[in-house]
Amino acid sequence: MRLLQPALLGLALAISLADTAGAQTGPLFPEPFRVEHHLVQDDGDGNRFTGEPVVDTYGGSWIVSQRPDGSRLIVDLERREMTEVRTADGTYWTVSFDRFAELQARLRAAHGIPDAAPQKKAAASASTGPIVTEAPADLRNASALASKPGVRHLRVARQGEGSAMDVWVDPSLRLTPGALAALDALDAATSGRREDASPGRLLGAARLHAAGAIPVRTVRPLSSVGQIEDVATRLDRLERFPGELAQVPEGLRRVPHPLEATVRFLEEDRKLNAAMAAQPDAQ
């Protein structure tokens, strides 16, 4: 089974809160820092997969995720766009949050997955959001960062749902309100559905409850018996944000986002199938 790809730490609540980021003066991340983390997927049947470490660097309005293969994802929260740089391939792509959300909506439509009705979205927005409670200290299988003094263990769940996400947050480093709001927009774009209990929304609720404390470990159910754990192994303050990480090297060729071609193919295929189904059988 393929291990799920690591996601950026810090995806949060709902895209409508993103306007709050504009009210903040100064950088979203005035104190640069770096988080190294990886995913551990336990299927509950004896199969356990550990992902490669990903390094996320926060500073200014940027989050840059560096992967072991040398590629990196640059997220500019102020400009609301994502750029992936693949130096080994000589290519890069850039897409706005809105365009990425649109592509995901078109992908669902091409697969015949209906979007939520407007009234359902409105009801979901008005409903009670994730509920956060303080959980007892649980150091079983905890990482070194999650075991530090002062780290809080929180449990987050949607009202009426039995499953929950466990989140350990380190209050020694906190995000600004503007950064929290900007990350909400990122979650809305990457999760594709605002009304569901996405992992990012649950994580964001925990960080909001903890006044912006940084998550250093999360555990969420994968199935009735499995789970996915995101473990931070390093959390370091930086003297400065390495601005070169947020730059696209000269000489790289810009290419479309991979979803562009996928969506176009599926939409054309769907149209062709519909046209063929509408034709009467040849006599």
C-alpha atoms as a PDB file:
ATOM      1  CA  MET A   1       0.000   0.000   0.000  1.00  0.00           C
ATOM      2  CA  ARG A   2       1.316   3.454  -0.904  1.00  0.00           C
ATOM      3  CA  LEU A   3       2.143   5.707   2.003  1.00  0.00           C
ATOM      4  CA  LEU A   4       0.193   8.931   2.020  1.00  0.00           C
ATOM      5  CA  GLN A   5       2.324  11.972   1.173  1.00  0.00           C
ATOM      6  CA  PRO A   6       3.386  14.258   4.056  1.00  0.00           C
ATOM      7  CA  ALA A   7       1.330  17.391   4.367  1.00  0.00           C
ATOM      8  CA  LEU A   8       2.487  20.739   5.655  1.00  0.00           C
ATOM      9  CA  LEU A   9       2.066  21.157   9.352  1.00  0.00           C
ATOM     10  CA  GLY A  10      -0.521  23.778  10.183  1.00  0.00           C
ATOM     11  CA  LEU A  11      -3.534  23.455   7.908  1.00  0.00           C
ATOM     12  CA  ALA A  12      -6.558  24.937   9.629  1.00  0.00           C
ATOM     13  CA  LEU A  13     -10.247  25.982   9.613  1.00  0.00           C
ATOM     14  CA  ALA A  14     -12.036  27.685   6.661  1.00  0.00           C
ATOM     15  CA  ILE A  15     -11.128  29.892   3.723  1.00  0.00           C
ATOM     16  CA  SER A  16     -13.504  32.659   4.811  1.00  0.00           C
ATOM     17  CA  LEU A  17     -11.134  33.539   7.650  1.00  0.00           C
ATOM     18  CA  ALA A  18      -8.318  34.343   5.240  1.00  0.00           C
ATOM     19  CA  ASP A  19      -9.304  38.020   5.131  1.00  0.00           C
ATOM     20  CA  THR A  20      -8.045  38.283   8.710  1.00  0.00           C
ATOM     21  CA  ALA A  21      -4.512  37.849   7.425  1.00  0.00           C
ATOM     22  CA  GLY A  22      -4.781  41.128   5.551  1.00  0.00           C
ATOM     23  CA  ALA A  23      -5.498  42.970   8.800  1.00  0.00           C
ATOM     24  CA  GLN A  24      -2.157  41.964  10.290  1.00  0.00           C
ATOM     25  CA  THR A  25       0.725  44.375   9.887  1.00  0.00           C
ATOM     26  CA  GLY A  26       4.163  42.919   9.346  1.00  0.00           C
ATOM     27  CA  PRO A  27       5.136  39.418   8.209  1.00  0.00           C
ATOM     28  CA  LEU A  28       2.897  36.433   8.876  1.00  0.00           C
ATOM     29  CA  PHE A  29       5.884  34.589  10.344  1.00  0.00           C
ATOM     30  CA  PRO A  30       7.971  37.285  12.045  1.00  0.00           C
ATOM     31  CA  GLU A  31      10.117  34.653  13.757  1.00  0.00           C
ATOM     32  CA  PRO A  32      11.425  32.185  11.151  1.00  0.00           C
ATOM     33  CA  PHE A  33      11.494  28.539  12.157  1.00  0.00           C
ATOM     34  CA  ARG A  34      11.936  25.084  10.685  1.00  0.00           C
ATOM     35  CA  VAL A  35      10.104  21.812  11.313  1.00  0.00           C
ATOM     36  CA  GLU A  36      11.357  18.402  10.227  1.00  0.00           C
ATOM     37  CA  HIS A  37       8.657  15.748  10.232  1.00  0.00           C
ATOM     38  CA  HIS A  38       7.554  12.481   8.654  1.00  0.00           C
ATOM     39  CA  LEU A  39       4.465  10.301   8.405  1.00  0.00           C
ATOM     40  CA  VAL A  40       3.971   6.871   9.917  1.00  0.00           C
ATOM     41  CA  GLN A  41       1.053   4.862   8.553  1.00  0.00           C
ATOM     42  CA  ASP A  42      -0.136   1.859  10.543  1.00  0.00           C
ATOM     43  CA  ASP A  43      -2.805  -0.213   8.804  1.00  0.00           C
ATOM     44  CA  GLY A  44      -3.617  -2.082  12.002  1.00  0.00           C
ATOM     45  CA  ASP A  45      -2.965  -5.433  10.363  1.00  0.00           C
ATOM     46  CA  GLY A  46       0.753  -5.605  11.015  1.00  0.00           C
ATOM     47  CA  ASN A  47       1.736  -3.379   8.091  1.00  0.00           C
ATOM     48  CA  ARG A  48       3.584  -0.224   9.062  1.00  0.00           C
ATOM     49  CA  PHE A  49       5.085   2.324   6.686  1.00  0.00           C
ATOM     50  CA  THR A  50       7.400   5.193   7.565  1.00  0.00           C
ATOM     51  CA  GLY A  51       7.740   8.080   5.148  1.00  0.00           C
ATOM     52  CA  GLU A  52      10.856  10.024   4.331  1.00  0.00           C
ATOM     53  CA  PRO A  53      11.498  13.222   6.305  1.00  0.00           C
ATOM     54  CA  VAL A  54      10.188  16.510   4.951  1.00  0.00           C
ATOM     55  CA  VAL A  55      11.568  19.870   6.117  1.00  0.00           C
ATOM     56  CA  ASP A  56       9.140  22.808   6.304  1.00  0.00           C
ATOM     57  CA  THR A  57      10.685  26.279   6.665  1.00  0.00           C
ATOM     58  CA  TYR A  58       8.439  29.175   7.756  1.00  0.00           C
ATOM     59  CA  GLY A  59       9.297  32.853   7.357  1.00  0.00           C
ATOM     60  CA  GLY A  60       7.828  36.093   6.018  1.00  0.00           C
ATOM     61  CA  SER A  61       4.749  34.962   4.099  1.00  0.00           C
ATOM     62  CA  TRP A  62       6.317  31.697   2.926  1.00  0.00           C
ATOM     63  CA  ILE A  63       6.304  28.038   3.821  1.00  0.00           C
ATOM     64  CA  VAL A  64       8.798  25.952   1.874  1.00  0.00           C
ATOM     65  CA  SER A  65       8.655  22.152   2.040  1.00  0.00           C
ATOM     66  CA  GLN A  66      11.865  20.421   1.003  1.00  0.00           C
ATOM     67  CA  ARG A  67      11.720  16.751   0.039  1.00  0.00           C
ATOM     68  CA  PRO A  68      14.555  14.197   0.092  1.00  0.00           C
ATOM     69  CA  ASP A  69      14.628  14.063  -3.732  1.00  0.00           C
ATOM     70  CA  GLY A  70      15.638  17.736  -3.842  1.00  0.00           C
ATOM     71  CA  SER A  71      12.300  19.085  -5.005  1.00  0.00           C
ATOM     72  CA  ARG A  72      10.473  21.700  -2.980  1.00  0.00           C
ATOM     73  CA  LEU A  73       7.005  23.188  -2.673  1.00  0.00           C
ATOM     74  CA  ILE A  74       6.878  26.948  -2.117  1.00  0.00           C
ATOM     75  CA  VAL A  75       3.673  28.302  -0.588  1.00  0.00           C
ATOM     76  CA  ASP A  76       3.251  32.089  -0.664  1.00  0.00           C
ATOM     77  CA  LEU A  77       0.384  32.820   1.708  1.00  0.00           C
ATOM     78  CA  GLU A  78       0.330  36.529   0.901  1.00  0.00           C
ATOM     79  CA  ARG A  79       0.024  36.006  -2.850  1.00  0.00           C
ATOM     80  CA  ARG A  80      -2.123  32.896  -2.328  1.00  0.00           C
ATOM     81  CA  GLU A  81      -0.181  30.669  -4.681  1.00  0.00           C
ATOM     82  CA  MET A  82       1.886  27.483  -4.676  1.00  0.00           C
ATOM     83  CA  THR A  83       4.985  26.725  -6.709  1.00  0.00           C
ATOM     84  CA  GLU A  84       6.723  23.381  -7.056  1.00  0.00           C
ATOM     85  CA  VAL A  85      10.365  23.408  -8.111  1.00  0.00           C
ATOM     86  CA  ARG A  86      11.924  20.277  -9.593  1.00  0.00           C
ATOM     87  CA  THR A  87      15.491  21.230 -10.358  1.00  0.00           C
ATOM     88  CA  ALA A  88      16.456  17.688 -11.368  1.00  0.00           C
ATOM     89  CA  ASP A  89      13.792  17.791 -14.095  1.00  0.00           C
ATOM     90  CA  GLY A  90      14.529  21.396 -15.015  1.00  0.00           C
ATOM     91  CA  THR A  91      10.885  22.375 -14.475  1.00  0.00           C
ATOM     92  CA  TYR A  92       8.545  24.232 -12.149  1.00  0.00           C
ATOM     93  CA  TRP A  93       4.832  25.011 -11.947  1.00  0.00           C
ATOM     94  CA  THR A  94       2.857  27.740 -10.203  1.00  0.00           C
ATOM     95  CA  VAL A  95      -0.847  27.710  -9.347  1.00  0.00           C
ATOM     96  CA  SER A  96      -3.043  30.017  -7.285  1.00  0.00           C
ATOM     97  CA  PHE A  97      -5.109  28.715  -4.376  1.00  0.00           C
ATOM     98  CA  ASP A  98      -8.303  29.559  -6.262  1.00  0.00           C
ATOM     99  CA  ARG A  99      -7.166  27.817  -9.437  1.00  0.00           C
ATOM    100  CA  PHE A 100      -6.119  24.720  -7.476  1.00  0.00           C
ATOM    101  CA  ALA A 101      -9.525  24.606  -5.749  1.00  0.00           C
ATOM    102  CA  GLU A 102     -11.229  24.982  -9.133  1.00  0.00           C
ATOM    103  CA  LEU A 103      -9.209  22.109 -10.605  1.00  0.00           C
ATOM    104  CA  GLN A 104     -10.154  19.874  -7.688  1.00  0.00           C
ATOM    105  CA  ALA A 105     -13.841  20.733  -8.141  1.00  0.00           C
ATOM    106  CA  ARG A 106     -13.609  19.925 -11.850  1.00  0.00           C
ATOM    107  CA  LEU A 107     -11.790  16.676 -11.037  1.00  0.00           C
ATOM    108  CA  ARG A 108     -14.623  15.605  -8.725  1.00  0.00           C
ATOM    109  CA  ALA A 109     -17.178  16.529 -11.372  1.00  0.00           C
ATOM    110  CA  ALA A 110     -15.278  14.574 -14.044  1.00  0.00           C
ATOM    111  CA  HIS A 111     -15.351  11.542 -11.759  1.00  0.00           C
ATOM    112  CA  GLY A 112     -19.076  12.039 -11.227  1.00  0.00           C
ATOM    113  CA  ILE A 113     -18.696  13.024  -7.570  1.00  0.00           C
ATOM    114  CA  PRO A 114     -21.398  15.598  -6.761  1.00  0.00           C
ATOM    115  CA  ASP A 115     -20.457  18.687  -4.816  1.00  0.00           C
ATOM    116  CA  ALA A 116     -22.388  19.595  -1.688  1.00  0.00           C
ATOM    117  CA  ALA A 117     -25.584  21.542  -2.290  1.00  0.00           C
ATOM    118  CA  PRO A 118     -25.437  25.256  -1.385  1.00  0.00           C
ATOM    119  CA  GLN A 119     -27.917  24.792   1.457  1.00  0.00           C
ATOM    120  CA  LYS A 120     -25.804  21.943   2.846  1.00  0.00           C
ATOM    121  CA  LYS A 121     -22.722  24.146   2.730  1.00  0.00           C
ATOM    122  CA  ALA A 122     -24.569  26.938   4.505  1.00  0.00           C
ATOM    123  CA  ALA A 123     -25.813  24.544   7.166  1.00  0.00           C
ATOM    124  CA  ALA A 124     -22.325  23.148   7.633  1.00  0.00           C
ATOM    125  CA  SER A 125     -20.898  26.635   8.025  1.00  0.00           C
ATOM    126  CA  ALA A 126     -23.478  27.466  10.668  1.00  0.00           C
ATOM    127  CA  SER A 127     -23.044  24.195  12.547  1.00  0.00           C
ATOM    128  CA  THR A 128     -20.793  23.704  15.508  1.00  0.00           C
ATOM    129  CA  GLY A 129     -17.184  23.373  14.448  1.00  0.00           C
ATOM    130  CA  PRO A 130     -14.622  20.925  15.811  1.00  0.00           C
ATOM    131  CA  ILE A 131     -14.609  20.468  19.576  1.00  0.00           C
ATOM    132  CA  VAL A 132     -11.222  20.643  21.313  1.00  0.00           C
ATOM    133  CA  THR A 133     -10.600  19.149  24.737  1.00  0.00           C
ATOM    134  CA  GLU A 134      -7.512  18.830  26.886  1.00  0.00           C
ATOM    135  CA  ALA A 135      -6.421  15.191  26.950  1.00  0.00           C
ATOM    136  CA  PRO A 136      -4.504  13.412  29.705  1.00  0.00           C
ATOM    137  CA  ALA A 137      -0.768  13.194  29.241  1.00  0.00           C
ATOM    138  CA  ASP A 138      -0.018  10.116  27.134  1.00  0.00           C
ATOM    139  CA  LEU A 139       3.652   9.494  26.425  1.00  0.00           C
ATOM    140  CA  ARG A 140       3.223   6.020  24.952  1.00  0.00           C
ATOM    141  CA  ASN A 141       5.198   5.921  21.707  1.00  0.00           C
ATOM    142  CA  ALA A 142       5.573   9.699  21.991  1.00  0.00           C
ATOM    143  CA  SER A 143       8.395  11.421  20.148  1.00  0.00           C
ATOM    144  CA  ALA A 144      11.055  13.412  21.949  1.00  0.00           C
ATOM    145  CA  LEU A 145       9.390  16.716  21.027  1.00  0.00           C
ATOM    146  CA  ALA A 146       5.959  15.540  22.183  1.00  0.00           C
ATOM    147  CA  SER A 147       7.473  14.503  25.527  1.00  0.00           C
ATOM    148  CA  LYS A 148       8.986  17.916  26.290  1.00  0.00           C
ATOM    149  CA  PRO A 149       7.804  19.751  29.415  1.00  0.00           C
ATOM    150  CA  GLY A 150       5.002  22.195  28.614  1.00  0.00           C
ATOM    151  CA  VAL A 151       3.756  20.342  25.525  1.00  0.00           C
ATOM    152  CA  ARG A 152      -0.040  20.004  25.623  1.00  0.00           C
ATOM    153  CA  HIS A 153      -2.035  16.995  24.440  1.00  0.00           C
ATOM    154  CA  LEU A 154      -5.320  17.979  22.785  1.00  0.00           C
ATOM    155  CA  ARG A 155      -8.123  15.901  21.311  1.00  0.00           C
ATOM    156  CA  VAL A 156     -10.198  17.298  18.433  1.00  0.00           C
ATOM    157  CA  ALA A 157     -13.454  15.868  17.040  1.00  0.00           C
ATOM    158  CA  ARG A 158     -16.562  16.931  15.192  1.00  0.00           C
ATOM    159  CA  GLN A 159     -19.682  17.056  17.326  1.00  0.00           C
ATOM    160  CA  GLY A 160     -21.461  13.708  17.329  1.00  0.00           C
ATOM    161  CA  GLU A 161     -18.538  11.792  15.810  1.00  0.00           C
ATOM    162  CA  GLY A 162     -16.665   9.098  17.687  1.00  0.00           C
ATOM    163  CA  SER A 163     -13.320   9.354  15.911  1.00  0.00           C
ATOM    164  CA  ALA A 164     -10.929  12.107  16.905  1.00  0.00           C
ATOM    165  CA  MET A 165      -7.508  13.512  16.138  1.00  0.00           C
ATOM    166  CA  ASP A 166      -4.920  13.695  18.903  1.00  0.00           C
ATOM    167  CA  VAL A 167      -2.611  16.697  18.683  1.00  0.00           C
ATOM    168  CA  TRP A 168       0.456  17.567  20.753  1.00  0.00           C
ATOM    169  CA  VAL A 169       1.330  21.293  20.616  1.00  0.00           C
ATOM    170  CA  ASP A 170       4.465  23.107  21.759  1.00  0.00           C
ATOM    171  CA  PRO A 171       3.632  26.584  23.160  1.00  0.00           C
ATOM    172  CA  SER A 172       7.282  27.637  23.185  1.00  0.00           C
ATOM    173  CA  LEU A 173       6.723  28.869  19.624  1.00  0.00           C
ATOM    174  CA  ARG A 174       3.439  30.392  18.455  1.00  0.00           C
ATOM    175  CA  LEU A 175       1.903  31.527  15.176  1.00  0.00           C
ATOM    176  CA  THR A 176       0.353  34.966  14.750  1.00  0.00           C
ATOM    177  CA  PRO A 177      -3.428  35.343  14.204  1.00  0.00           C
ATOM    178  CA  GLY A 178      -2.720  36.439  10.650  1.00  0.00           C
ATOM    179  CA  ALA A 179      -0.689  33.309   9.996  1.00  0.00           C
ATOM    180  CA  LEU A 180      -3.466  31.112  11.376  1.00  0.00           C
ATOM    181  CA  ALA A 181      -5.999  32.787   9.108  1.00  0.00           C
ATOM    182  CA  ALA A 182      -3.764  32.534   6.051  1.00  0.00           C
ATOM    183  CA  LEU A 183      -3.220  28.846   6.710  1.00  0.00           C
ATOM    184  CA  ASP A 184      -6.999  28.435   6.742  1.00  0.00           C
ATOM    185  CA  ALA A 185      -7.026  29.480   3.088  1.00  0.00           C
ATOM    186  CA  LEU A 186      -4.315  26.954   2.308  1.00  0.00           C
ATOM    187  CA  ASP A 187      -6.309  24.168   3.937  1.00  0.00           C
ATOM    188  CA  ALA A 188      -9.450  25.147   2.060  1.00  0.00           C
ATOM    189  CA  ALA A 189      -7.574  25.022  -1.233  1.00  0.00           C
ATOM    190  CA  THR A 190      -5.767  21.736  -0.594  1.00  0.00           C
ATOM    191  CA  SER A 191      -8.600  19.841   1.089  1.00  0.00           C
ATOM    192  CA  GLY A 192     -11.089  20.821  -1.611  1.00  0.00           C
ATOM    193  CA  ARG A 193     -14.156  20.611   0.653  1.00  0.00           C
ATOM    194  CA  ARG A 194     -14.790  23.222   3.308  1.00  0.00           C
ATOM    195  CA  GLU A 195     -17.726  21.552   4.974  1.00  0.00           C
ATOM    196  CA  ASP A 196     -16.118  18.282   6.026  1.00  0.00           C
ATOM    197  CA  ALA A 197     -13.880  17.495   8.985  1.00  0.00           C
ATOM    198  CA  SER A 198     -10.646  17.524   7.026  1.00  0.00           C
ATOM    199  CA  PRO A 199      -7.455  16.777   8.950  1.00  0.00           C
ATOM    200  CA  GLY A 200      -6.397  20.358   8.332  1.00  0.00           C
ATOM    201  CA  ARG A 201      -9.563  21.766   9.837  1.00  0.00           C
ATOM    202  CA  LEU A 202      -9.211  19.603  12.943  1.00  0.00           C
ATOM    203  CA  LEU A 203      -5.544  20.535  13.260  1.00  0.00           C
ATOM    204  CA  GLY A 204      -6.367  24.195  12.822  1.00  0.00           C
ATOM    205  CA  ALA A 205      -8.967  24.011  15.580  1.00  0.00           C
ATOM    206  CA  ALA A 206      -6.333  22.583  17.922  1.00  0.00           C
ATOM    207  CA  ARG A 207      -3.872  25.356  17.120  1.00  0.00           C
ATOM    208  CA  LEU A 208      -6.508  28.020  17.543  1.00  0.00           C
ATOM    209  CA  HIS A 209      -7.449  26.526  20.922  1.00  0.00           C
ATOM    210  CA  ALA A 210      -3.761  26.585  21.886  1.00  0.00           C
ATOM    211  CA  ALA A 211      -3.311  30.223  20.794  1.00  0.00           C
ATOM    212  CA  GLY A 212      -1.115  29.339  17.824  1.00  0.00           C
ATOM    213  CA  ALA A 213       1.124  26.756  19.493  1.00  0.00           C
ATOM    214  CA  ILE A 214       3.017  24.597  16.988  1.00  0.00           C
ATOM    215  CA  PRO A 215       1.859  20.976  16.505  1.00  0.00           C
ATOM    216  CA  VAL A 216       4.708  18.522  17.011  1.00  0.00           C
ATOM    217  CA  ARG A 217       2.732  15.292  16.745  1.00  0.00           C
ATOM    218  CA  THR A 218      -0.678  14.306  15.391  1.00  0.00           C
ATOM    219  CA  VAL A 219      -2.428  10.937  15.369  1.00  0.00           C
ATOM    220  CA  ARG A 220      -5.660  10.377  13.452  1.00  0.00           C
ATOM    221  CA  PRO A 221      -7.660   7.278  12.504  1.00  0.00           C
ATOM    222  CA  LEU A 222      -7.023   5.765   9.092  1.00  0.00           C
ATOM    223  CA  SER A 223      -9.715   3.102   9.366  1.00  0.00           C
ATOM    224  CA  SER A 224     -11.480   1.206  12.119  1.00  0.00           C
ATOM    225  CA  VAL A 225      -8.119  -0.211  13.215  1.00  0.00           C
ATOM    226  CA  GLY A 226      -5.411   1.850  11.493  1.00  0.00           C
ATOM    227  CA  GLN A 227      -3.968   5.293  12.058  1.00  0.00           C
ATOM    228  CA  ILE A 228      -1.723   7.941  10.496  1.00  0.00           C
ATOM    229  CA  GLU A 229       0.811   9.723  12.653  1.00  0.00           C
ATOM    230  CA  ASP A 230       2.673  12.906  11.713  1.00  0.00           C
ATOM    231  CA  VAL A 231       5.798  13.157  13.860  1.00  0.00           C
ATOM    232  CA  ALA A 232       8.024  16.212  14.157  1.00  0.00           C
ATOM    233  CA  THR A 233      11.595  15.291  15.015  1.00  0.00           C
ATOM    234  CA  ARG A 234      13.056  18.819  14.998  1.00  0.00           C
ATOM    235  CA  LEU A 235      11.674  22.284  15.701  1.00  0.00           C
ATOM    236  CA  ASP A 236      14.291  25.024  15.359  1.00  0.00           C
ATOM    237  CA  ARG A 237      14.161  28.803  15.428  1.00  0.00           C
ATOM    238  CA  LEU A 238      16.171  30.482  12.664  1.00  0.00           C
ATOM    239  CA  GLU A 239      18.091  33.745  12.726  1.00  0.00           C
ATOM    240  CA  ARG A 240      16.725  34.557   9.280  1.00  0.00           C
ATOM    241  CA  PHE A 241      14.517  33.028   6.650  1.00  0.00           C
ATOM    242  CA  PRO A 242      16.687  31.694   3.794  1.00  0.00           C
ATOM    243  CA  GLY A 243      15.051  33.684   1.013  1.00  0.00           C
ATOM    244  CA  GLU A 244      16.721  31.617  -1.699  1.00  0.00           C
ATOM    245  CA  LEU A 245      14.398  28.752  -0.798  1.00  0.00           C
ATOM    246  CA  ALA A 246      11.423  30.771  -2.045  1.00  0.00           C
ATOM    247  CA  GLN A 247      13.048  31.581  -5.395  1.00  0.00           C
ATOM    248  CA  VAL A 248      12.762  29.655  -8.655  1.00  0.00           C
ATOM    249  CA  PRO A 249      16.264  29.070 -10.049  1.00  0.00           C
ATOM    250  CA  GLU A 250      17.005  30.618 -13.416  1.00  0.00           C
ATOM    251  CA  GLY A 251      16.814  28.396 -16.459  1.00  0.00           C
ATOM    252  CA  LEU A 252      13.925  26.201 -15.317  1.00  0.00           C
ATOM    253  CA  ARG A 253      11.046  25.617 -17.724  1.00  0.00           C
ATOM    254  CA  ARG A 254       7.547  26.445 -16.516  1.00  0.00           C
ATOM    255  CA  VAL A 255       5.027  23.630 -17.014  1.00  0.00           C
ATOM    256  CA  PRO A 256       1.311  23.328 -16.233  1.00  0.00           C
ATOM    257  CA  HIS A 257       0.206  21.916 -12.902  1.00  0.00           C
ATOM    258  CA  PRO A 258      -0.236  18.112 -13.269  1.00  0.00           C
ATOM    259  CA  LEU A 259      -3.952  18.430 -12.511  1.00  0.00           C
ATOM    260  CA  GLU A 260      -4.444  20.571 -15.628  1.00  0.00           C
ATOM    261  CA  ALA A 261      -3.764  17.667 -17.986  1.00  0.00           C
ATOM    262  CA  THR A 262      -5.578  15.137 -15.798  1.00  0.00           C
ATOM    263  CA  VAL A 263      -8.746  17.231 -15.598  1.00  0.00           C
ATOM    264  CA  ARG A 264      -8.699  18.025 -19.307  1.00  0.00           C
ATOM    265  CA  PHE A 265      -8.355  14.329 -20.213  1.00  0.00           C
ATOM    266  CA  LEU A 266     -11.134  13.223 -17.860  1.00  0.00           C
ATOM    267  CA  GLU A 267     -13.504  15.953 -19.034  1.00  0.00           C
ATOM    268  CA  GLU A 268     -12.943  15.051 -22.690  1.00  0.00           C
ATOM    269  CA  ASP A 269     -13.388  11.373 -21.892  1.00  0.00           C
ATOM    270  CA  ARG A 270     -16.624  12.096 -20.035  1.00  0.00           C
ATOM    271  CA  LYS A 271     -17.955  14.140 -22.966  1.00  0.00           C
ATOM    272  CA  LEU A 272     -17.061  11.367 -25.402  1.00  0.00           C
ATOM    273  CA  ASN A 273     -18.790   8.723 -23.296  1.00  0.00           C
ATOM    274  CA  ALA A 274     -21.884  10.917 -22.979  1.00  0.00           C
ATOM    275  CA  ALA A 275     -21.969  11.464 -26.756  1.00  0.00           C
ATOM    276  CA  MET A 276     -21.632   7.748 -27.445  1.00  0.00           C
ATOM    277  CA  ALA A 277     -24.362   6.913 -24.943  1.00  0.00           C
ATOM    278  CA  ALA A 278     -26.708   9.397 -26.621  1.00  0.00           C
ATOM    279  CA  GLN A 279     -26.312   7.827 -30.067  1.00  0.00           C
ATOM    280  CA  PRO A 280     -28.920   5.206 -31.080  1.00  0.00           C
ATOM    281  CA  ASP A 281     -27.633   1.712 -31.760  1.00  0.00           C
ATOM    282  CA  ALA A 282     -26.620   1.252 -35.351  1.00  0.00           C
ATOM    283  CA  GLN A 283     -29.035  -0.957 -37.257  1.00  0.00           C
END
